[in-house]
């Protein structure tokens, strides 16, 4: 799994835990619904840290909390 897939999965995991839809997440975070949809549908490969920070702010979690999972700790380096 690559980083963009891991980010998408983490967003969906948090939404499921909190009974949030992608639409509601976009509303509370100020990130457009199309952007959030592109992330969770793996259409965006290079997700900006500003976007992730906005999503975290909407979810009321820190960036550290977002990335502090075994999935992120075990990611291998991606070479392009």
PDB file of N, CA and C in Angstrom:
ATOM      1  N   UNK A   1       0.854  -1.175   0.000  1.00  0.00           N
ATOM      2  CA  UNK A   1       0.000   0.000   0.000  1.00  0.00           C
ATOM      3  C   UNK A   1       0.900   1.238   0.000  1.00  0.00           C
ATOM      4  N   UNK A   2       0.521   2.246  -0.807  1.00  0.00           N
ATOM      5  CA  UNK A   2       1.326   3.464  -0.850  1.00  0.00           C
ATOM      6  C   UNK A   2       0.732   4.531   0.075  1.00  0.00           C
ATOM      7  N   UNK A   3       1.403   5.654   0.170  1.00  0.00           N
ATOM      8  CA  UNK A   3       0.992   6.675   1.132  1.00  0.00           C
ATOM      9  C   UNK A   3      -0.377   7.265   0.824  1.00  0.00           C
ATOM     10  N   UNK A   4      -0.686   7.512  -0.452  1.00  0.00           N
ATOM     11  CA  UNK A   4      -1.990   8.100  -0.763  1.00  0.00           C
ATOM     12  C   UNK A   4      -3.120   7.138  -0.423  1.00  0.00           C
ATOM     13  N   UNK A   5      -2.912   5.848  -0.633  1.00  0.00           N
ATOM     14  CA  UNK A   5      -3.918   4.852  -0.248  1.00  0.00           C
ATOM     15  C   UNK A   5      -4.062   4.785   1.267  1.00  0.00           C
ATOM     16  N   UNK A   6      -2.948   4.892   1.961  1.00  0.00           N
ATOM     17  CA  UNK A   6      -2.974   4.852   3.424  1.00  0.00           C
ATOM     18  C   UNK A   6      -3.686   6.071   3.989  1.00  0.00           C
ATOM     19  N   UNK A   7      -3.451   7.247   3.405  1.00  0.00           N
ATOM     20  CA  UNK A   7      -4.153   8.457   3.828  1.00  0.00           C
ATOM     21  C   UNK A   7      -5.655   8.297   3.587  1.00  0.00           C
ATOM     22  N   UNK A   8      -6.028   7.821   2.420  1.00  0.00           N
ATOM     23  CA  UNK A   8      -7.447   7.622   2.098  1.00  0.00           C
ATOM     24  C   UNK A   8      -8.099   6.660   3.086  1.00  0.00           C
ATOM     25  N   UNK A   9      -7.430   5.559   3.359  1.00  0.00           N
ATOM     26  CA  UNK A   9      -7.969   4.578   4.295  1.00  0.00           C
ATOM     27  C   UNK A   9      -8.111   5.156   5.700  1.00  0.00           C
ATOM     28  N   UNK A  10      -7.144   5.978   6.104  1.00  0.00           N
ATOM     29  CA  UNK A  10      -7.199   6.598   7.434  1.00  0.00           C
ATOM     30  C   UNK A  10      -8.379   7.560   7.526  1.00  0.00           C
ATOM     31  N   UNK A  11      -8.598   8.343   6.490  1.00  0.00           N
ATOM     32  CA  UNK A  11      -9.740   9.265   6.467  1.00  0.00           C
ATOM     33  C   UNK A  11     -11.044   8.480   6.583  1.00  0.00           C
ATOM     34  N   UNK A  12     -11.177   7.440   5.791  1.00  0.00           N
ATOM     35  CA  UNK A  12     -12.398   6.633   5.829  1.00  0.00           C
ATOM     36  C   UNK A  12     -12.583   5.950   7.178  1.00  0.00           C
ATOM     37  N   UNK A  13     -11.488   5.503   7.781  1.00  0.00           N
ATOM     38  CA  UNK A  13     -11.543   4.863   9.093  1.00  0.00           C
ATOM     39  C   UNK A  13     -12.070   5.838  10.150  1.00  0.00           C
ATOM     40  N   UNK A  14     -11.535   7.054  10.147  1.00  0.00           N
ATOM     41  CA  UNK A  14     -11.966   8.056  11.121  1.00  0.00           C
ATOM     42  C   UNK A  14     -13.432   8.432  10.883  1.00  0.00           C
ATOM     43  N   UNK A  15     -13.802   8.602   9.632  1.00  0.00           N
ATOM     44  CA  UNK A  15     -15.200   8.925   9.312  1.00  0.00           C
ATOM     45  C   UNK A  15     -16.135   7.828   9.813  1.00  0.00           C
ATOM     46  N   UNK A  16     -15.749   6.579   9.602  1.00  0.00           N
ATOM     47  CA  UNK A  16     -16.580   5.462  10.057  1.00  0.00           C
ATOM     48  C   UNK A  16     -16.704   5.460  11.573  1.00  0.00           C
ATOM     49  N   UNK A  17     -15.578   5.675  12.278  1.00  0.00           N
ATOM     50  CA  UNK A  17     -15.594   5.716  13.745  1.00  0.00           C
ATOM     51  C   UNK A  17     -16.527   6.799  14.268  1.00  0.00           C
ATOM     52  N   UNK A  18     -16.611   7.898  13.535  1.00  0.00           N
ATOM     53  CA  UNK A  18     -17.389   9.052  13.992  1.00  0.00           C
ATOM     54  C   UNK A  18     -18.739   9.191  13.286  1.00  0.00           C
ATOM     55  N   UNK A  19     -19.096   8.200  12.515  1.00  0.00           N
ATOM     56  CA  UNK A  19     -20.347   8.229  11.751  1.00  0.00           C
ATOM     57  C   UNK A  19     -20.467   9.493  10.910  1.00  0.00           C
ATOM     58  N   UNK A  20     -19.380   9.840  10.224  1.00  0.00           N
ATOM     59  CA  UNK A  20     -19.355  11.002   9.335  1.00  0.00           C
ATOM     60  C   UNK A  20     -19.365  10.551   7.889  1.00  0.00           C
ATOM     61  N   UNK A  21     -20.069  11.280   7.063  1.00  0.00           N
ATOM     62  CA  UNK A  21     -19.978  11.059   5.629  1.00  0.00           C
ATOM     63  C   UNK A  21     -18.837  11.907   5.080  1.00  0.00           C
ATOM     64  N   UNK A  22     -18.416  11.596   3.874  1.00  0.00           N
ATOM     65  CA  UNK A  22     -17.386  12.400   3.216  1.00  0.00           C
ATOM     66  C   UNK A  22     -17.894  13.831   3.027  1.00  0.00           C
ATOM     67  N   UNK A  23     -19.177  13.965   2.727  1.00  0.00           N
ATOM     68  CA  UNK A  23     -19.773  15.292   2.564  1.00  0.00           C
ATOM     69  C   UNK A  23     -19.689  16.089   3.871  1.00  0.00           C
ATOM     70  N   UNK A  24     -20.007  15.455   4.985  1.00  0.00           N
ATOM     71  CA  UNK A  24     -19.947  16.135   6.280  1.00  0.00           C
ATOM     72  C   UNK A  24     -18.499  16.502   6.615  1.00  0.00           C
ATOM     73  N   UNK A  25     -17.563  15.606   6.323  1.00  0.00           N
ATOM     74  CA  UNK A  25     -16.158  15.907   6.562  1.00  0.00           C
ATOM     75  C   UNK A  25     -15.726  17.119   5.764  1.00  0.00           C
ATOM     76  N   UNK A  26     -16.128  17.192   4.521  1.00  0.00           N
ATOM     77  CA  UNK A  26     -15.748  18.346   3.701  1.00  0.00           C
ATOM     78  C   UNK A  26     -16.353  19.625   4.283  1.00  0.00           C
ATOM     79  N   UNK A  27     -17.565  19.558   4.773  1.00  0.00           N
ATOM     80  CA  UNK A  27     -18.217  20.730   5.360  1.00  0.00           C
ATOM     81  C   UNK A  27     -17.490  21.208   6.614  1.00  0.00           C
ATOM     82  N   UNK A  28     -17.174  20.292   7.520  1.00  0.00           N
ATOM     83  CA  UNK A  28     -16.555  20.704   8.789  1.00  0.00           C
ATOM     84  C   UNK A  28     -15.083  21.071   8.649  1.00  0.00           C
ATOM     85  N   UNK A  29     -14.459  20.618   7.568  1.00  0.00           N
ATOM     86  CA  UNK A  29     -13.031  20.889   7.397  1.00  0.00           C
ATOM     87  C   UNK A  29     -12.742  22.047   6.444  1.00  0.00           C
ATOM     88  N   UNK A  30     -13.729  22.403   5.618  1.00  0.00           N
ATOM     89  CA  UNK A  30     -13.495  23.455   4.637  1.00  0.00           C
ATOM     90  C   UNK A  30     -12.767  22.985   3.396  1.00  0.00           C
ATOM     91  N   UNK A  31     -12.628  21.678   3.247  1.00  0.00           N
ATOM     92  CA  UNK A  31     -12.020  21.095   2.050  1.00  0.00           C
ATOM     93  C   UNK A  31     -13.170  20.739   1.107  1.00  0.00           C
ATOM     94  N   UNK A  32     -13.036  21.089  -0.155  1.00  0.00           N
ATOM     95  CA  UNK A  32     -14.140  20.835  -1.081  1.00  0.00           C
ATOM     96  C   UNK A  32     -14.469  19.342  -1.130  1.00  0.00           C
ATOM     97  N   UNK A  33     -15.748  19.063  -1.370  1.00  0.00           N
ATOM     98  CA  UNK A  33     -16.174  17.675  -1.439  1.00  0.00           C
ATOM     99  C   UNK A  33     -15.473  16.945  -2.570  1.00  0.00           C
ATOM    100  N   UNK A  34     -15.242  17.627  -3.677  1.00  0.00           N
ATOM    101  CA  UNK A  34     -14.560  16.968  -4.796  1.00  0.00           C
ATOM    102  C   UNK A  34     -13.136  16.561  -4.414  1.00  0.00           C
ATOM    103  N   UNK A  35     -12.468  17.386  -3.636  1.00  0.00           N
ATOM    104  CA  UNK A  35     -11.105  17.052  -3.196  1.00  0.00           C
ATOM    105  C   UNK A  35     -11.121  15.844  -2.273  1.00  0.00           C
ATOM    106  N   UNK A  36     -12.030  15.851  -1.297  1.00  0.00           N
ATOM    107  CA  UNK A  36     -12.121  14.712  -0.382  1.00  0.00           C
ATOM    108  C   UNK A  36     -12.500  13.446  -1.150  1.00  0.00           C
ATOM    109  N   UNK A  37     -13.441  13.554  -2.072  1.00  0.00           N
ATOM    110  CA  UNK A  37     -13.812  12.397  -2.898  1.00  0.00           C
ATOM    111  C   UNK A  37     -12.624  11.883  -3.697  1.00  0.00           C
ATOM    112  N   UNK A  38     -11.857  12.798  -4.291  1.00  0.00           N
ATOM    113  CA  UNK A  38     -10.687  12.379  -5.068  1.00  0.00           C
ATOM    114  C   UNK A  38      -9.672  11.653  -4.188  1.00  0.00           C
ATOM    115  N   UNK A  39      -9.516  12.116  -2.947  1.00  0.00           N
ATOM    116  CA  UNK A  39      -8.571  11.462  -2.025  1.00  0.00           C
ATOM    117  C   UNK A  39      -9.057  10.053  -1.691  1.00  0.00           C
ATOM    118  N   UNK A  40     -10.300   9.933  -1.241  1.00  0.00           N
ATOM    119  CA  UNK A  40     -10.784   8.630  -0.781  1.00  0.00           C
ATOM    120  C   UNK A  40     -11.028   7.651  -1.924  1.00  0.00           C
ATOM    121  N   UNK A  41     -11.176   8.162  -3.142  1.00  0.00           N
ATOM    122  CA  UNK A  41     -11.341   7.293  -4.311  1.00  0.00           C
ATOM    123  C   UNK A  41     -10.034   7.060  -5.053  1.00  0.00           C
ATOM    124  N   UNK A  42      -8.935   7.433  -4.425  1.00  0.00           N
ATOM    125  CA  UNK A  42      -7.587   7.200  -4.953  1.00  0.00           C
ATOM    126  C   UNK A  42      -7.335   7.872  -6.296  1.00  0.00           C
ATOM    127  N   UNK A  43      -7.996   8.998  -6.537  1.00  0.00           N
ATOM    128  CA  UNK A  43      -7.758   9.745  -7.767  1.00  0.00           C
ATOM    129  C   UNK A  43      -6.664  10.780  -7.585  1.00  0.00           C
ATOM    130  N   UNK A  44      -6.344  11.091  -6.337  1.00  0.00           N
ATOM    131  CA  UNK A  44      -5.277  12.043  -6.024  1.00  0.00           C
ATOM    132  C   UNK A  44      -4.114  11.267  -5.448  1.00  0.00           C
ATOM    133  N   UNK A  45      -2.973  11.381  -6.068  1.00  0.00           N
ATOM    134  CA  UNK A  45      -1.790  10.655  -5.604  1.00  0.00           C
ATOM    135  C   UNK A  45      -0.887  11.507  -4.717  1.00  0.00           C
ATOM    136  N   UNK A  46      -0.970  12.818  -4.867  1.00  0.00           N
ATOM    137  CA  UNK A  46      -0.082  13.715  -4.134  1.00  0.00           C
ATOM    138  C   UNK A  46      -0.932  14.646  -3.268  1.00  0.00           C
ATOM    139  N   UNK A  47      -1.282  14.166  -2.083  1.00  0.00           N
ATOM    140  CA  UNK A  47      -2.161  14.911  -1.180  1.00  0.00           C
ATOM    141  C   UNK A  47      -1.308  15.886  -0.386  1.00  0.00           C
ATOM    142  N   UNK A  48      -1.674  17.150  -0.445  1.00  0.00           N
ATOM    143  CA  UNK A  48      -0.892  18.179   0.233  1.00  0.00           C
ATOM    144  C   UNK A  48      -1.070  18.142   1.734  1.00  0.00           C
ATOM    145  N   UNK A  49      -0.016  18.516   2.439  1.00  0.00           N
ATOM    146  CA  UNK A  49      -0.054  18.536   3.899  1.00  0.00           C
ATOM    147  C   UNK A  49      -1.045  19.584   4.398  1.00  0.00           C
ATOM    148  N   UNK A  50      -1.229  20.671   3.656  1.00  0.00           N
ATOM    149  CA  UNK A  50      -2.210  21.696   4.055  1.00  0.00           C
ATOM    150  C   UNK A  50      -3.612  21.091   4.032  1.00  0.00           C
ATOM    151  N   UNK A  51      -3.905  20.297   3.030  1.00  0.00           N
ATOM    152  CA  UNK A  51      -5.212  19.632   2.950  1.00  0.00           C
ATOM    153  C   UNK A  51      -5.390  18.664   4.111  1.00  0.00           C
ATOM    154  N   UNK A  52      -4.368  17.889   4.398  1.00  0.00           N
ATOM    155  CA  UNK A  52      -4.448  16.949   5.523  1.00  0.00           C
ATOM    156  C   UNK A  52      -4.645  17.710   6.829  1.00  0.00           C
ATOM    157  N   UNK A  53      -3.947  18.831   6.996  1.00  0.00           N
ATOM    158  CA  UNK A  53      -4.102  19.649   8.213  1.00  0.00           C
ATOM    159  C   UNK A  53      -5.527  20.183   8.322  1.00  0.00           C
ATOM    160  N   UNK A  54      -6.103  20.636   7.222  1.00  0.00           N
ATOM    161  CA  UNK A  54      -7.483  21.121   7.245  1.00  0.00           C
ATOM    162  C   UNK A  54      -8.452  20.002   7.632  1.00  0.00           C
ATOM    163  N   UNK A  55      -8.239  18.813   7.098  1.00  0.00           N
ATOM    164  CA  UNK A  55      -9.076  17.673   7.457  1.00  0.00           C
ATOM    165  C   UNK A  55      -8.933  17.349   8.938  1.00  0.00           C
ATOM    166  N   UNK A  56      -7.706  17.362   9.434  1.00  0.00           N
ATOM    167  CA  UNK A  56      -7.457  17.098  10.855  1.00  0.00           C
ATOM    168  C   UNK A  56      -8.135  18.152  11.734  1.00  0.00           C
ATOM    169  N   UNK A  57      -8.042  19.412  11.322  1.00  0.00           N
ATOM    170  CA  UNK A  57      -8.703  20.477  12.087  1.00  0.00           C
ATOM    171  C   UNK A  57     -10.210  20.243  12.139  1.00  0.00           C
ATOM    172  N   UNK A  58     -10.797  19.868  11.019  1.00  0.00           N
ATOM    173  CA  UNK A  58     -12.227  19.580  10.984  1.00  0.00           C
ATOM    174  C   UNK A  58     -12.600  18.400  11.863  1.00  0.00           C
ATOM    175  N   UNK A  59     -11.708  17.431  11.939  1.00  0.00           N
ATOM    176  CA  UNK A  59     -11.932  16.247  12.776  1.00  0.00           C
ATOM    177  C   UNK A  59     -11.537  16.475  14.229  1.00  0.00           C
ATOM    178  N   UNK A  60     -10.939  17.626  14.490  1.00  0.00           N
ATOM    179  CA  UNK A  60     -10.462  17.988  15.833  1.00  0.00           C
ATOM    180  C   UNK A  60      -9.432  16.994  16.353  1.00  0.00           C
ATOM    181  N   UNK A  61      -8.495  16.639  15.459  1.00  0.00           N
ATOM    182  CA  UNK A  61      -7.361  15.804  15.850  1.00  0.00           C
ATOM    183  C   UNK A  61      -6.089  16.478  15.349  1.00  0.00           C
ATOM    184  N   UNK A  62      -4.979  16.103  15.939  1.00  0.00           N
ATOM    185  CA  UNK A  62      -3.701  16.647  15.489  1.00  0.00           C
ATOM    186  C   UNK A  62      -3.185  15.836  14.302  1.00  0.00           C
ATOM    187  N   UNK A  63      -2.264  16.430  13.591  1.00  0.00           N
ATOM    188  CA  UNK A  63      -1.616  15.695  12.496  1.00  0.00           C
ATOM    189  C   UNK A  63      -0.902  14.468  13.064  1.00  0.00           C
ATOM    190  N   UNK A  64      -0.329  14.617  14.252  1.00  0.00           N
ATOM    191  CA  UNK A  64       0.341  13.492  14.898  1.00  0.00           C
ATOM    192  C   UNK A  64      -0.639  12.344  15.111  1.00  0.00           C
ATOM    193  N   UNK A  65      -1.838  12.660  15.609  1.00  0.00           N
ATOM    194  CA  UNK A  65      -2.850  11.615  15.811  1.00  0.00           C
ATOM    195  C   UNK A  65      -3.247  10.963  14.486  1.00  0.00           C
ATOM    196  N   UNK A  66      -3.323  11.765  13.437  1.00  0.00           N
ATOM    197  CA  UNK A  66      -3.701  11.231  12.131  1.00  0.00           C
ATOM    198  C   UNK A  66      -2.681  10.204  11.645  1.00  0.00           C
ATOM    199  N   UNK A  67      -1.403  10.549  11.765  1.00  0.00           N
ATOM    200  CA  UNK A  67      -0.351   9.687  11.214  1.00  0.00           C
ATOM    201  C   UNK A  67       0.177   8.634  12.186  1.00  0.00           C
ATOM    202  N   UNK A  68      -0.245   8.676  13.443  1.00  0.00           N
ATOM    203  CA  UNK A  68       0.298   7.760  14.448  1.00  0.00           C
ATOM    204  C   UNK A  68      -0.454   6.431  14.439  1.00  0.00           C
ATOM    205  N   UNK A  69      -0.229   5.673  13.380  1.00  0.00           N
ATOM    206  CA  UNK A  69      -0.859   4.361  13.232  1.00  0.00           C
ATOM    207  C   UNK A  69       0.178   3.362  12.729  1.00  0.00           C
ATOM    208  N   UNK A  70      -0.041   2.089  12.960  1.00  0.00           N
ATOM    209  CA  UNK A  70       0.901   1.080  12.447  1.00  0.00           C
ATOM    210  C   UNK A  70       1.040   1.138  10.928  1.00  0.00           C
ATOM    211  N   UNK A  71      -0.052   1.467  10.237  1.00  0.00           N
ATOM    212  CA  UNK A  71      -0.004   1.507   8.772  1.00  0.00           C
ATOM    213  C   UNK A  71       1.015   2.553   8.286  1.00  0.00           C
ATOM    214  N   UNK A  72       1.020   3.723   8.915  1.00  0.00           N
ATOM    215  CA  UNK A  72       1.976   4.752   8.511  1.00  0.00           C
ATOM    216  C   UNK A  72       3.389   4.412   8.963  1.00  0.00           C
ATOM    217  N   UNK A  73       3.523   3.813  10.137  1.00  0.00           N
ATOM    218  CA  UNK A  73       4.855   3.458  10.633  1.00  0.00           C
ATOM    219  C   UNK A  73       5.507   2.389   9.766  1.00  0.00           C
ATOM    220  N   UNK A  74       4.701   1.555   9.117  1.00  0.00           N
ATOM    221  CA  UNK A  74       5.246   0.441   8.331  1.00  0.00           C
ATOM    222  C   UNK A  74       5.314   0.706   6.833  1.00  0.00           C
ATOM    223  N   UNK A  75       5.038   1.932   6.421  1.00  0.00           N
ATOM    224  CA  UNK A  75       5.123   2.259   4.997  1.00  0.00           C
ATOM    225  C   UNK A  75       6.565   2.160   4.516  1.00  0.00           C
ATOM    226  N   UNK A  76       6.727   1.618   3.339  1.00  0.00           N
ATOM    227  CA  UNK A  76       8.055   1.585   2.740  1.00  0.00           C
ATOM    228  C   UNK A  76       8.257   2.855   1.923  1.00  0.00           C
ATOM    229  N   UNK A  77       9.513   3.209   1.720  1.00  0.00           N
ATOM    230  CA  UNK A  77       9.833   4.396   0.929  1.00  0.00           C
ATOM    231  C   UNK A  77       9.345   4.209  -0.492  1.00  0.00           C
ATOM    232  N   UNK A  78       8.725   5.270  -1.011  1.00  0.00           N
ATOM    233  CA  UNK A  78       8.245   5.227  -2.384  1.00  0.00           C
ATOM    234  C   UNK A  78       9.260   5.948  -3.278  1.00  0.00           C
ATOM    235  N   UNK A  79       9.592   5.325  -4.374  1.00  0.00           N
ATOM    236  CA  UNK A  79      10.510   5.913  -5.324  1.00  0.00           C
ATOM    237  C   UNK A  79       9.748   6.207  -6.610  1.00  0.00           C
ATOM    238  N   UNK A  80       9.913   7.412  -7.103  1.00  0.00           N
ATOM    239  CA  UNK A  80       9.209   7.794  -8.337  1.00  0.00           C
ATOM    240  C   UNK A  80      10.178   8.002  -9.458  1.00  0.00           C
TER     241      UNK A  80
END
